[in-house]
């Protein structure tokens, strides 16, 4: 997908654990055909979607070229002078077919040798023969595909494999029932277990231990090293720009850097950010029109005419980012290789000896291209742009333990262990297990990850995330959201975080979730997904066809509605700027995912922190209730919460229900009548407590089991979708919690 650079932006079907999902990488060689210098290659494209999936699976799997290359045009494109017979193509829509083509070559090689193969084996080989682009696992997977190495592995048996079944072992139990429900199949747990070049250690408590068994297949002696990408430095440069003096179509040089500035680390990130009010000066009171449309380009300058003056025709593209947003981000990894590669290609292109190019002045140049500026000729206003340069290195990951060296004759299994530090708060953590064969130096970067989950136990009153100070040097920061939205992009284009919540207490029927952040021009959404009971009905006969628990359903949330194009996200406050508060219904014990994302972005800093407070709402009542065919009785429900969230709310009966085989659109037709009541909460210690006394009447009701209940009205929405437009708020919302029980009429 093309939803980057935010994390958790991969979308179905690429989130499937059994698919091969492909990120896009750069290849700027096509620029020669337009008269420019040959550009660089092998950086992950900024808009390429990042992982992980909402489950936590390691995505993407691999990377392939997606920016850019030539392709044939559509069927009638050659009509006339043939000008449109070919065109520049890009995106993950290019990267995925390139990977599919590599798979086709692999299958052809298998067939030519009469070798058997499976989709699992093909995926293992293609992920084990990639070339690392020196990016993190959530950006590049195991690396860029290498068709030659993949086919050579099959023909010459010159590679090796590293794999584990840990990902599918952890996720299969969650998806088994849902898969069977959707497909009318009868899959067993063992049917879903697959090996993959990736290790997921599962949900681990703070201070806990986990492990996974990993297989190396292929003779040799191997070195094993766990690493993770860490921030080693951050520099902030303030660049004042008088927007009233910059016409549309202008190009500005923002910075000139020596090559060495980029070559002492594994990856450098340059984020240009500015206050949201310069992108959209009216905000909530306006109609969300962008006043700026910008692109940044990182260039490699060679002083070809020796005049010591930087001109754009003497520069080669290294990377670019174009978005309708107030943060524009560039990255470059393994920079020394990029610079050397550009020099070699320019030498071939211009016929200048490589050694002569080395004698010329060279630098890295950051340019800003102003495609549209509505501030031009307005009242003079100095906008302060912040250029934030962050440098990263892959460093040892001391919390992962594995053998430093292992000797393999044909196949060998070893165990990797994890010990989670006590100061690691709830969230997702990821790195690599680098496996290197000593005799030829060949490497496989095996992504490895785990989740620190939040547990709602029988005694939990509330939880505040993060629990303490989160590590600030990790590339994937669980508690800070970057500027990653794009008004020209899709709805999902923003920065997401996913937190796993394990609910142990069956009496927890909802979570009051409050998210707080410091900058009012940022807008955060919050969503809860997890298991829920679903009944499938034949509406012709009212017969119940399926009665099941499905996983991954959205149970509640605060969501911003997009305007105009695909993902033009405005502001939506609930209850106020800087705070999102929502009640999330839950079905019962199980694993839930709390999703948080930002769009728009205030632009005050590189990444804006947020805090989450989770308060469980418990309801105690009899799940099964027995009554005679004709009777009247009181049904009691006790509500406990550490927050007064049901004060003076009402309770309304369902008019519909189910018996053991059929849906009933009005339960009074079978002689069942439910009363309604008002809730007046009372404070008892740290809890707000109330006993609801609700009347149930049966009148010659057939002896059966009936699944029915009440709605409890809440003053805080359980689902809200809305937006500000022209100073007015528009919102659709639901504000009820179900109290569901089984009535057995004897």
Foldseek 3Di string as FASTA:
>chain_A
DQQDDFEQLDDPPQQDPLDQQEFAWAFQQCVVVVVFAGFFILDGAGRTYFDDHLVQDQDNAAYEHFHWDKDAADDCCCPDVHPRRIDIGGDVVVTVVVVVVLLVLQVVLCVVVVHDDDSLRLQQLQQQQADASLDFRRRGNFYHGDSVSSSCCSVVVPGKGKKFQQVLLQCLVQAVQVVCVVPVDNDDSVVRGGIHLAAEQEAAAAQGKTKTKMKMFDFFKKFKFWWAKWWPDKDKDKDKDFLQADAAFDKDWDDKAALVVAQPAFKKKKKKAFFVCQQPVQALQAFQHGQWWKKKWKWKAQPPVQPPDDDNSRIHTHHMFTFSARMTMDMHGNSVVRVLVSLVSSCVSVVPDSVVSVPTDMIIIMMMHTNGHNSHNPPTDITIMMIMMIGMHIDGDVQKDWDRMDGDGGMDMTMIMGGHHNQAFFFKDKTWTWMAGPVPRRITTRIYMYTHAAEAEPPDFKDKPRPHDHDPTGPDDQFWFFQFAGLVDAQSNFHKTKHKYFYDFQQFFKKKKKKFFDDLQKAKKKWKWFKDWDWDADVVVQWTPDTDIHTGHTQFIEAEDADDDRHNGGHDDVVGRRMHIAMGGDNGGDMMMMMMTIPPDRRPDRITGMMMMIGTKGKDFAQEAEDAQFDKAKGKIKIKHLDPWQAFWKKFWQQWWDWPTGTGNGCVVQFKDKAMDTWHWDDDPSITMTMDIIMIGHDNGPFTKIKTWIWIFTPGFRYKYWHRHSNDIDIDTHGTGTDIHIYGHD
